Every structure is written in structure tokens, then in C-alpha cells.
Amino acid sequence: MVWRQRLSARLARQREAGLWRERLTMTPAPGSRVRDFASNDYLGLARDPRLAEAQSQGARCFGAGAGASHLVNGHLLPHQLLEERLADLTGRPRALLFSTGYMANFGTLQALCDHQTHLFQDRLNHASLLDGARLAGARSRRFHHRDLEDLERLLGRAEETGPRLVVSDGVFSMDGDMADIDGLATVCARHDAWLMIDDAHGLGVLGEHGDGCVGRRFDAEQVPVLVGTLGKALGTAGAFVAGDDLLIDTLIQFARPYIYTTAQPPGMAMATLRALDILEMEPERRRRLHEHLDHFHARAAELKLPLLASPTPIQPLLLGDSARVMRWSLALREAGFMVGAIRPPTVPQGQGRLRITLSSGHRREDIDELLERLAELLAADPEPLP
């Protein structure tokens, strides 16, 4: 009885605060078209039939599942080939697969840090990085968002004993802005600190080769720990950590989410290998995405839509109030548009927003219609935006 009362009260508070989360089962009717501006499928690869065929081939050749962890007998040829390709893409000696991005960040921080470690994180880092720091038990400090002076101050005040690790998203998933990788690497070098970058939303989208905001521009000395995910621009699922032999061997030996988890299905690894082929062979996908981005910015300025400044496919429209976020999101859904409705605690109080994401697979006319619908909602809303 106590548990039921406790959980019921907690759920009631969630509803009353306007923070209730719902799942949508996406089953479009034949001939219908849902215009998706909510997913992270930046290159339009998630539904590419070539990836589906590669996944099927992997299942036929190696089985539907890996059957065991990488360290028992679940590390199959597709996994090994994928790790080698990801290392090559990011310009690192080695890469190590994880089943999810959350597990990659958890496992890395747990393996590298202990109570003697000084850990410094950007305030807007992803939840998996913040939670990983708690799990590791490290002495953790959070510096102001993208503020190198604040980071330098915190590093300067830290005790001389104990290793130092600075952690930041590469592209911040809710604001769409980017970390100053060069500045972070310079500060870390000055204070003998390692730098860890989670480039989940940059991989495949940014960089000359789609290698992200770190990639080949910064070597393993400048950014010793590089995390990337496969379920966004590459259209599949899973994640990896890339770095030198010392890092990867440490993760294999000590990262509990790696050691005690069944390896990802081999078909998924095969599909990701195909996605990497397409990333290399079809650079026009990235060009088209950035053309869409330029057009989106130009039209939004004409319509006086107050977007947050973002050079990436993540385009947030700050609405403030959670109830307003849900009203606008529902109105867009009724018009056939899926747009992310983001509320606390994912973002700070008073910073609820629509998180619009662009893809190379979008049609220009759909982008224009979305912007026009947003302008109509803005004109009809009596309250000023924050």
C-alpha cells in the first residue's frame, strides 16, 4: 500500500506540472505522410533499404543475436570490422563498440574515474555524462556553458593530486550549439587534464568527411577520449569509444557496461558498415542537409521566428512555458508535423522549447510549410515569447 500511494502521488505531481511524457506508436496509414522534424536521422539513413538489406544479410550469416558478451564469444567478425572502420573515420588507433550511447558514457567514466579524480563538466552536458560521473564517485564540478574562463578557474583551484578529466558534449543536443574543441584542448593541455568529447550529434554531419566536430582534426593527444553514437546520423543503433591502445584496453578490462552486456546483434553492425559506405560515397547528403539549414535560417528570419543560434541541424524555438510547448506541439501534430516538445527536467525551468531537427531527407516544401505553421502559431499566441 505504501508503494502504491507513493508512486501514485509522484505520477499525479508529474501530470499537474504539465510534464507528463507520452509514447507515440508510429504506424502511418498507407498513403499518409508524417513529416518528421523530431528525429535525429540527420542523413535520412534510418529507412534506407540498403541498410535494411545489410541488416538482414548479417542476421542470415551470423544469427539474429550475438549470443554473448564481447568477452565471452559474442565478438563477431562484423563487430571487429565496424570497430576498425570507426577508428579510421575518427582518425584514432582503435575503437570499442557499446550497445548504447548511455552505456558508452557510463562505462567510460566508471572505468576512468574514482574518488581521487577531479572531473569537470559543461553544465549542459547530456544526462548520461552527468549520471556517469555520479556512478564513478569522482569529485565533480560543472563549469558554465562553453565558458573556458570558468573552466580555467576551476582547474586552477583543484588540488594538485589526482588525475583531471574535462568532459563536454561536442554538439549540445537541446541547444544545437557546439563546444570550442580547440579551446578545450588548449586549456586541458595547460592543466595536464584529459579531454573527453561526446560527439553524438556531430558524427556524420560535421567535418570534411562526416567525422564530426572532433574527428581527424584533433588527434588522440588533444582529445584522448572520443565517444560517438550510431543511432543518429548513421541511422542504426549502438555507440563507440575511440582512442589509443591505453584507453581501449582500459575500457575492455574495467568498463562494466561493456563487460557484462551481450554484444549488439551482428546484423546491426552490418547495417552500420553499410551506412559508413554511404557516408563516404554520397557526400551530397551532408551538402543537402546544410543547404536545408541555410534555407531554414533565411526563411525563419523573414518570418521573425526567434530561434536559438545554432549552426547544426538542431534548431530550438524557445517557448518557455511547458503548457505552451505542448499546445504548439499538438497543433503541429494535427497539421501532420512531428516536432520534439522539450520540457524540464531535460532543459532548465522556464526554457521549454520545440526542438526542430533537419534532415537531408526533408523536402524543401515541407520545411517551408513547417515554418509557415510556426509563424501562424506565433501570431496567434497572445503571450510574448521569452
Protein backbone atom coordinates (compact mmCIF):
# COMPACT_ATOMS: atom_id res chain seq x y z
CA MET A 1 0.00 0.00 0.00
CA VAL A 2 2.80 2.45 0.86
CA TRP A 3 4.47 1.91 -2.51
CA ARG A 4 1.22 2.41 -4.43
CA GLN A 5 0.47 5.65 -2.60
CA ARG A 6 3.99 6.92 -3.10
CA LEU A 7 4.08 6.20 -6.84
CA SER A 8 0.54 7.47 -7.45
CA ALA A 9 1.36 10.77 -5.76
CA ARG A 10 4.53 11.13 -7.80
CA LEU A 11 2.67 10.49 -11.05
CA ALA A 12 -0.03 12.99 -10.06
CA ARG A 13 2.59 15.68 -9.47
CA GLN A 14 4.07 14.97 -12.91
CA ARG A 15 0.69 15.49 -14.57
CA GLU A 16 -0.09 18.64 -12.59
CA ALA A 17 3.24 20.19 -13.58
CA GLY A 18 2.50 19.68 -17.27
CA LEU A 19 5.47 17.32 -17.59
CA TRP A 20 3.63 14.08 -18.43
CA ARG A 21 5.50 12.05 -21.05
CA GLU A 22 3.68 10.03 -23.69
CA ARG A 23 4.83 7.47 -26.22
CA LEU A 24 3.51 7.63 -29.77
CA THR A 25 3.23 4.41 -31.72
CA MET A 26 4.18 5.41 -35.23
CA THR A 27 2.15 3.34 -37.72
CA PRO A 28 1.41 5.59 -40.72
CA ALA A 29 -1.59 4.51 -42.76
CA PRO A 30 -0.96 3.56 -46.42
CA GLY A 31 -0.58 6.68 -48.50
CA SER A 32 -0.24 9.01 -45.49
CA ARG A 33 2.90 11.02 -44.82
CA VAL A 34 4.05 12.20 -41.42
CA ARG A 35 6.61 14.97 -41.81
CA ASP A 36 9.20 14.14 -39.20
CA PHE A 37 11.13 17.07 -37.73
CA ALA A 38 11.72 15.34 -34.38
CA SER A 39 14.17 12.51 -35.05
CA ASN A 40 17.97 12.58 -35.16
CA ASP A 41 18.09 10.82 -38.54
CA TYR A 42 20.12 13.70 -39.97
CA LEU A 43 21.18 11.97 -43.20
CA GLY A 44 17.94 10.11 -43.86
CA LEU A 45 19.59 6.69 -43.50
CA ALA A 46 17.33 5.03 -40.90
CA ARG A 47 14.87 3.85 -43.57
CA ASP A 48 17.34 3.39 -46.40
CA PRO A 49 16.63 -0.05 -47.92
CA ARG A 50 20.34 -0.69 -48.35
CA LEU A 51 20.79 -0.66 -44.57
CA ALA A 52 17.80 -2.96 -44.12
CA GLU A 53 19.24 -5.41 -46.62
CA ALA A 54 22.65 -5.35 -44.93
CA GLN A 55 20.99 -5.97 -41.57
CA SER A 56 19.08 -8.94 -43.00
CA GLN A 57 22.23 -10.35 -44.55
CA GLY A 58 24.05 -10.04 -41.23
CA ALA A 59 21.26 -11.93 -39.44
CA ARG A 60 21.28 -14.68 -42.06
CA CYS A 61 25.06 -15.10 -41.92
CA PHE A 62 25.78 -14.60 -38.20
CA GLY A 63 22.43 -15.06 -36.44
CA ALA A 64 19.76 -12.71 -35.12
CA GLY A 65 21.71 -12.09 -31.91
CA ALA A 66 25.33 -12.22 -30.82
CA GLY A 67 24.54 -14.75 -28.10
CA ALA A 68 27.01 -13.48 -25.50
CA SER A 69 29.15 -10.54 -24.45
CA HIS A 70 32.15 -9.44 -26.47
CA LEU A 71 34.45 -11.04 -23.90
CA VAL A 72 32.81 -14.47 -23.99
CA ASN A 73 32.12 -15.42 -27.62
CA GLY A 74 29.87 -12.63 -28.87
CA HIS A 75 32.56 -10.57 -30.62
CA LEU A 76 31.87 -11.49 -34.24
CA LEU A 77 33.54 -10.51 -37.50
CA PRO A 78 31.07 -7.64 -38.25
CA HIS A 79 31.85 -6.13 -34.83
CA GLN A 80 35.58 -6.24 -35.47
CA LEU A 81 35.23 -4.75 -38.96
CA LEU A 82 32.98 -1.98 -37.62
CA GLU A 83 35.42 -1.05 -34.86
CA GLU A 84 38.20 -0.78 -37.44
CA ARG A 85 36.07 1.43 -39.72
CA LEU A 86 35.05 3.72 -36.86
CA ALA A 87 38.67 4.10 -35.77
CA ASP A 88 39.59 5.02 -39.34
CA LEU A 89 36.71 7.52 -39.65
CA THR A 90 37.72 9.35 -36.46
CA GLY A 91 41.48 9.14 -37.03
CA ARG A 92 42.09 7.06 -33.90
CA PRO A 93 44.18 3.90 -33.44
CA ARG A 94 41.24 1.91 -32.10
CA ALA A 95 37.52 1.98 -31.34
CA LEU A 96 35.33 -0.08 -29.00
CA LEU A 97 31.63 -0.84 -29.55
CA PHE A 98 28.97 -0.35 -26.88
CA SER A 99 25.29 -1.27 -27.13
CA THR A 100 24.04 2.29 -26.48
CA GLY A 101 25.43 5.79 -26.12
CA TYR A 102 24.28 5.90 -22.49
CA MET A 103 26.30 2.78 -21.78
CA ALA A 104 29.35 4.17 -23.58
CA ASN A 105 29.39 7.29 -21.42
CA PHE A 106 28.56 5.39 -18.23
CA GLY A 107 31.21 2.76 -18.87
CA THR A 108 33.94 5.20 -19.83
CA LEU A 109 33.51 7.45 -16.81
CA GLN A 110 33.17 4.47 -14.45
CA ALA A 111 36.34 2.88 -15.85
CA LEU A 112 38.45 6.06 -15.85
CA CYS A 113 37.35 7.79 -12.66
CA ASP A 114 37.32 7.15 -8.94
CA HIS A 115 37.08 9.25 -5.78
CA GLN A 116 40.56 10.71 -6.46
CA THR A 117 39.62 12.01 -9.92
CA HIS A 118 38.83 15.68 -10.50
CA LEU A 119 36.02 15.77 -13.06
CA PHE A 120 34.89 18.97 -14.83
CA GLN A 121 31.72 19.02 -16.95
CA ASP A 122 29.88 21.58 -19.05
CA ARG A 123 26.61 22.48 -17.32
CA LEU A 124 24.58 21.45 -20.38
CA ASN A 125 26.15 18.03 -20.86
CA HIS A 126 23.90 15.10 -21.69
CA ALA A 127 22.27 13.24 -18.80
CA SER A 128 24.38 10.14 -19.48
CA LEU A 129 27.55 12.09 -18.74
CA LEU A 130 26.17 13.61 -15.56
CA ASP A 131 24.85 10.25 -14.37
CA GLY A 132 28.13 8.54 -15.27
CA ALA A 133 30.02 10.99 -13.07
CA ARG A 134 27.76 10.14 -10.11
CA LEU A 135 28.30 6.43 -10.69
CA ALA A 136 32.08 6.89 -10.78
CA GLY A 137 32.11 8.75 -7.46
CA ALA A 138 34.52 11.35 -8.82
CA ARG A 139 34.91 14.82 -7.36
CA SER A 140 32.76 16.63 -9.89
CA ARG A 141 32.48 20.29 -10.84
CA ARG A 142 30.31 21.84 -13.58
CA PHE A 143 31.57 24.88 -15.47
CA HIS A 144 29.37 27.48 -17.13
CA HIS A 145 28.20 26.51 -20.58
CA ARG A 146 31.00 26.88 -23.16
CA ASP A 147 32.86 29.16 -20.70
CA LEU A 148 36.60 28.45 -20.97
CA GLU A 149 37.47 31.09 -18.38
CA ASP A 150 35.24 29.41 -15.81
CA LEU A 151 36.78 26.03 -16.64
CA GLU A 152 40.27 27.50 -16.30
CA ARG A 153 39.33 28.96 -12.90
CA LEU A 154 38.01 25.62 -11.64
CA LEU A 155 41.04 23.72 -12.89
CA GLY A 156 43.34 26.25 -11.24
CA ARG A 157 41.58 25.80 -7.89
CA ALA A 158 41.69 21.99 -7.96
CA GLU A 159 44.15 20.13 -5.78
CA GLU A 160 47.41 19.14 -7.43
CA THR A 161 46.91 15.48 -6.53
CA GLY A 162 44.68 13.21 -8.59
CA PRO A 163 44.05 13.00 -12.34
CA ARG A 164 41.86 15.57 -14.09
CA LEU A 165 39.22 14.89 -16.74
CA VAL A 166 37.26 17.54 -18.64
CA VAL A 167 34.05 16.33 -20.30
CA SER A 168 31.84 18.07 -22.85
CA ASP A 169 29.28 17.34 -25.50
CA GLY A 170 30.54 18.15 -28.99
CA VAL A 171 27.15 19.35 -30.19
CA PHE A 172 24.71 20.12 -27.38
CA SER A 173 21.58 18.14 -28.05
CA MET A 174 18.98 20.63 -26.82
CA ASP A 175 20.57 23.96 -27.86
CA GLY A 176 22.30 22.80 -31.04
CA ASP A 177 25.43 24.86 -30.36
CA MET A 178 28.95 23.44 -30.41
CA ALA A 179 31.78 23.13 -27.93
CA ASP A 180 35.01 25.01 -28.61
CA ILE A 181 37.12 21.88 -29.09
CA ASP A 182 40.30 23.79 -29.84
CA GLY A 183 39.88 25.97 -26.75
CA LEU A 184 39.05 23.00 -24.53
CA ALA A 185 42.09 21.07 -25.79
CA THR A 186 44.34 24.08 -25.13
CA VAL A 187 43.06 24.56 -21.57
CA CYS A 188 43.40 20.84 -20.85
CA ALA A 189 46.97 20.76 -22.11
CA ARG A 190 47.84 23.70 -19.85
CA HIS A 191 46.47 21.89 -16.78
CA ASP A 192 47.59 18.34 -17.59
CA ALA A 193 43.98 17.19 -17.96
CA TRP A 194 42.46 14.64 -20.30
CA LEU A 195 39.61 15.77 -22.55
CA MET A 196 36.55 13.61 -23.28
CA ILE A 197 34.11 14.68 -26.02
CA ASP A 198 30.74 13.07 -26.68
CA ASP A 199 30.25 13.76 -30.40
CA ALA A 200 26.88 12.01 -30.69
CA HIS A 201 25.25 14.76 -32.76
CA GLY A 202 28.31 15.78 -34.77
CA LEU A 203 29.34 12.41 -36.19
CA GLY A 204 28.22 12.01 -39.79
CA VAL A 205 27.05 15.62 -40.00
CA LEU A 206 30.10 17.81 -39.39
CA GLY A 207 33.68 17.61 -40.62
CA GLU A 208 35.07 17.30 -44.12
CA HIS A 209 34.46 13.54 -44.14
CA GLY A 210 31.50 13.38 -41.78
CA ASP A 211 33.95 12.61 -38.98
CA GLY A 212 32.28 15.06 -36.60
CA CYS A 213 33.38 18.15 -34.73
CA VAL A 214 36.46 16.30 -33.40
CA GLY A 215 37.32 13.54 -35.86
CA ARG A 216 40.56 13.80 -37.76
CA ARG A 217 41.07 17.50 -36.97
CA PHE A 218 42.09 16.67 -33.38
CA ASP A 219 44.30 13.69 -32.64
CA ALA A 220 44.23 11.34 -29.65
CA GLU A 221 46.73 13.52 -27.79
CA GLN A 222 44.43 16.55 -27.98
CA VAL A 223 41.17 14.64 -27.40
CA PRO A 224 42.14 11.33 -25.75
CA VAL A 225 38.53 10.13 -25.26
CA LEU A 226 36.05 10.39 -28.13
CA VAL A 227 32.52 8.99 -27.91
CA GLY A 228 30.18 8.63 -30.88
CA THR A 229 26.75 7.12 -31.44
CA LEU A 230 25.42 5.13 -34.38
CA GLY A 231 21.70 5.77 -33.93
CA LYS A 232 21.62 9.35 -35.16
CA ALA A 233 23.22 10.39 -38.48
CA LEU A 234 24.25 6.79 -39.28
CA GLY A 235 20.68 5.58 -38.86
CA THR A 236 21.27 2.36 -36.88
CA ALA A 237 21.89 1.76 -33.15
CA GLY A 238 24.76 1.48 -30.69
CA ALA A 239 27.78 3.58 -29.84
CA PHE A 240 31.57 3.50 -29.63
CA VAL A 241 34.54 4.99 -27.84
CA ALA A 242 37.64 5.80 -29.90
CA GLY A 243 41.16 6.42 -28.67
CA ASP A 244 44.60 4.88 -28.28
CA ASP A 245 45.58 1.41 -27.05
CA LEU A 246 45.85 2.55 -23.43
CA LEU A 247 42.26 3.85 -23.38
CA ILE A 248 40.66 0.95 -25.22
CA ASP A 249 42.50 -1.72 -23.21
CA THR A 250 41.40 0.04 -20.00
CA LEU A 251 37.76 0.00 -21.13
CA ILE A 252 37.89 -3.66 -22.13
CA GLN A 253 39.26 -4.58 -18.72
CA PHE A 254 37.22 -2.29 -16.46
CA ALA A 255 34.11 -0.81 -18.18
CA ARG A 256 31.29 -2.79 -16.55
CA PRO A 257 28.58 -1.89 -19.14
CA TYR A 258 30.91 -3.36 -21.79
CA ILE A 259 31.98 -6.46 -19.86
CA TYR A 260 28.53 -7.53 -18.67
CA THR A 261 26.36 -6.85 -21.73
CA THR A 262 25.53 -9.06 -24.71
CA ALA A 263 27.13 -7.66 -27.87
CA GLN A 264 24.86 -5.83 -30.29
CA PRO A 265 23.17 -8.00 -32.96
CA PRO A 266 25.59 -8.68 -35.83
CA GLY A 267 23.01 -7.51 -38.34
CA MET A 268 23.11 -4.06 -36.72
CA ALA A 269 26.88 -3.96 -37.14
CA MET A 270 26.48 -4.93 -40.81
CA ALA A 271 23.90 -2.19 -41.32
CA THR A 272 26.26 0.37 -39.76
CA LEU A 273 29.09 -0.75 -42.03
CA ARG A 274 26.77 -0.08 -44.97
CA ALA A 275 25.89 3.33 -43.54
CA LEU A 276 29.61 4.17 -43.38
CA ASP A 277 29.93 3.17 -47.05
CA ILE A 278 27.09 5.55 -47.94
CA LEU A 279 28.59 8.32 -45.79
CA GLU A 280 31.77 8.04 -47.83
CA MET A 281 30.20 7.55 -51.27
CA GLU A 282 27.39 10.11 -51.01
CA PRO A 283 28.76 13.38 -49.59
CA GLU A 284 25.83 15.12 -51.27
CA ARG A 285 23.70 14.03 -48.30
CA ARG A 286 25.70 16.30 -46.00
CA ARG A 287 25.69 19.09 -48.59
CA ARG A 288 21.92 18.87 -48.95
CA LEU A 289 21.47 18.93 -45.17
CA HIS A 290 23.50 22.13 -44.86
CA GLU A 291 21.62 23.68 -47.79
CA HIS A 292 18.37 22.93 -45.93
CA LEU A 293 19.88 24.55 -42.84
CA ASP A 294 20.80 27.74 -44.70
CA HIS A 295 17.33 27.93 -46.24
CA PHE A 296 15.68 27.30 -42.85
CA HIS A 297 17.63 30.14 -41.24
CA ALA A 298 16.84 32.57 -44.06
CA ARG A 299 13.09 31.85 -44.06
CA ALA A 300 12.87 31.86 -40.24
CA ALA A 301 14.48 35.32 -40.19
CA GLU A 302 11.97 36.56 -42.78
CA LEU A 303 9.11 35.24 -40.63
CA LYS A 304 10.70 36.68 -37.46
CA LEU A 305 10.80 33.33 -35.68
CA PRO A 306 13.07 33.68 -32.61
CA LEU A 307 15.26 30.59 -32.95
CA LEU A 308 18.26 29.97 -30.72
CA ALA A 309 21.54 30.43 -32.57
CA SER A 310 22.62 27.02 -33.84
CA PRO A 311 24.88 26.05 -36.78
CA THR A 312 23.75 22.41 -36.61
CA PRO A 313 20.58 20.52 -37.68
CA ILE A 314 19.19 21.02 -34.15
CA GLN A 315 17.07 24.19 -34.31
CA PRO A 316 15.40 25.09 -30.99
CA LEU A 317 12.47 27.50 -30.74
CA LEU A 318 12.35 28.69 -27.12
CA LEU A 319 8.75 28.93 -25.80
CA GLY A 320 9.35 28.98 -22.04
CA ASP A 321 6.12 27.66 -20.57
CA SER A 322 5.60 23.88 -20.70
CA ALA A 323 1.87 24.23 -21.41
CA ARG A 324 2.64 26.42 -24.43
CA VAL A 325 5.17 23.88 -25.66
CA MET A 326 2.52 21.16 -25.58
CA ARG A 327 -0.13 23.37 -27.27
CA TRP A 328 2.18 24.22 -30.15
CA SER A 329 3.39 20.63 -30.46
CA LEU A 330 -0.19 19.29 -30.64
CA ALA A 331 -1.18 21.91 -33.22
CA LEU A 332 1.79 20.93 -35.38
CA ARG A 333 0.97 17.23 -34.99
CA GLU A 334 -2.60 17.87 -36.14
CA ALA A 335 -1.12 19.57 -39.21
CA GLY A 336 0.99 16.48 -39.94
CA PHE A 337 4.31 17.56 -38.42
CA MET A 338 6.26 15.72 -35.74
CA VAL A 339 8.37 18.16 -33.70
CA GLY A 340 10.09 17.44 -30.38
CA ALA A 341 8.38 19.03 -27.35
CA ILE A 342 11.13 19.52 -24.76
CA ARG A 343 10.33 20.43 -21.16
CA PRO A 344 12.07 20.29 -17.77
CA PRO A 345 13.98 18.43 -16.43
CA THR A 346 15.52 17.84 -19.88
CA VAL A 347 16.05 21.61 -20.07
CA PRO A 348 16.12 24.16 -17.20
CA GLN A 349 12.90 25.54 -15.74
CA GLY A 350 11.35 28.21 -17.95
CA GLN A 351 13.25 27.05 -21.03
CA GLY A 352 10.74 24.68 -22.62
CA ARG A 353 11.10 24.56 -26.37
CA LEU A 354 10.28 22.97 -29.66
CA ARG A 355 13.33 21.07 -30.85
CA ILE A 356 13.20 21.11 -34.64
CA THR A 357 15.67 18.80 -36.36
CA LEU A 358 16.53 18.92 -40.05
CA SER A 359 17.47 16.00 -42.28
CA SER A 360 18.87 15.68 -45.76
CA GLY A 361 15.77 13.59 -46.47
CA HIS A 362 13.40 16.54 -45.99
CA ARG A 363 11.67 18.18 -48.90
CA ARG A 364 12.07 21.94 -49.28
CA GLU A 365 8.29 22.46 -49.47
CA ASP A 366 7.80 20.65 -46.14
CA ILE A 367 10.40 22.88 -44.49
CA ASP A 368 8.61 25.96 -45.82
CA GLU A 369 5.19 24.75 -44.66
CA LEU A 370 6.54 23.97 -41.18
CA LEU A 371 7.96 27.49 -40.90
CA GLU A 372 4.66 28.99 -42.05
CA ARG A 373 2.75 26.96 -39.45
CA LEU A 374 5.14 28.16 -36.76
CA ALA A 375 4.65 31.76 -37.86
CA GLU A 376 0.87 31.29 -37.62
CA LEU A 377 1.17 29.90 -34.11
CA LEU A 378 3.39 32.81 -33.10
CA ALA A 379 0.94 35.37 -34.50
CA ALA A 380 -1.99 33.71 -32.71
CA ASP A 381 -0.26 33.44 -29.32
CA PRO A 382 -1.20 36.36 -27.02
CA GLU A 383 1.77 35.94 -24.69
CA PRO A 384 5.24 37.16 -25.71
CA LEU A 385 7.99 34.58 -26.07
CA PRO A 386 10.83 34.62 -23.51
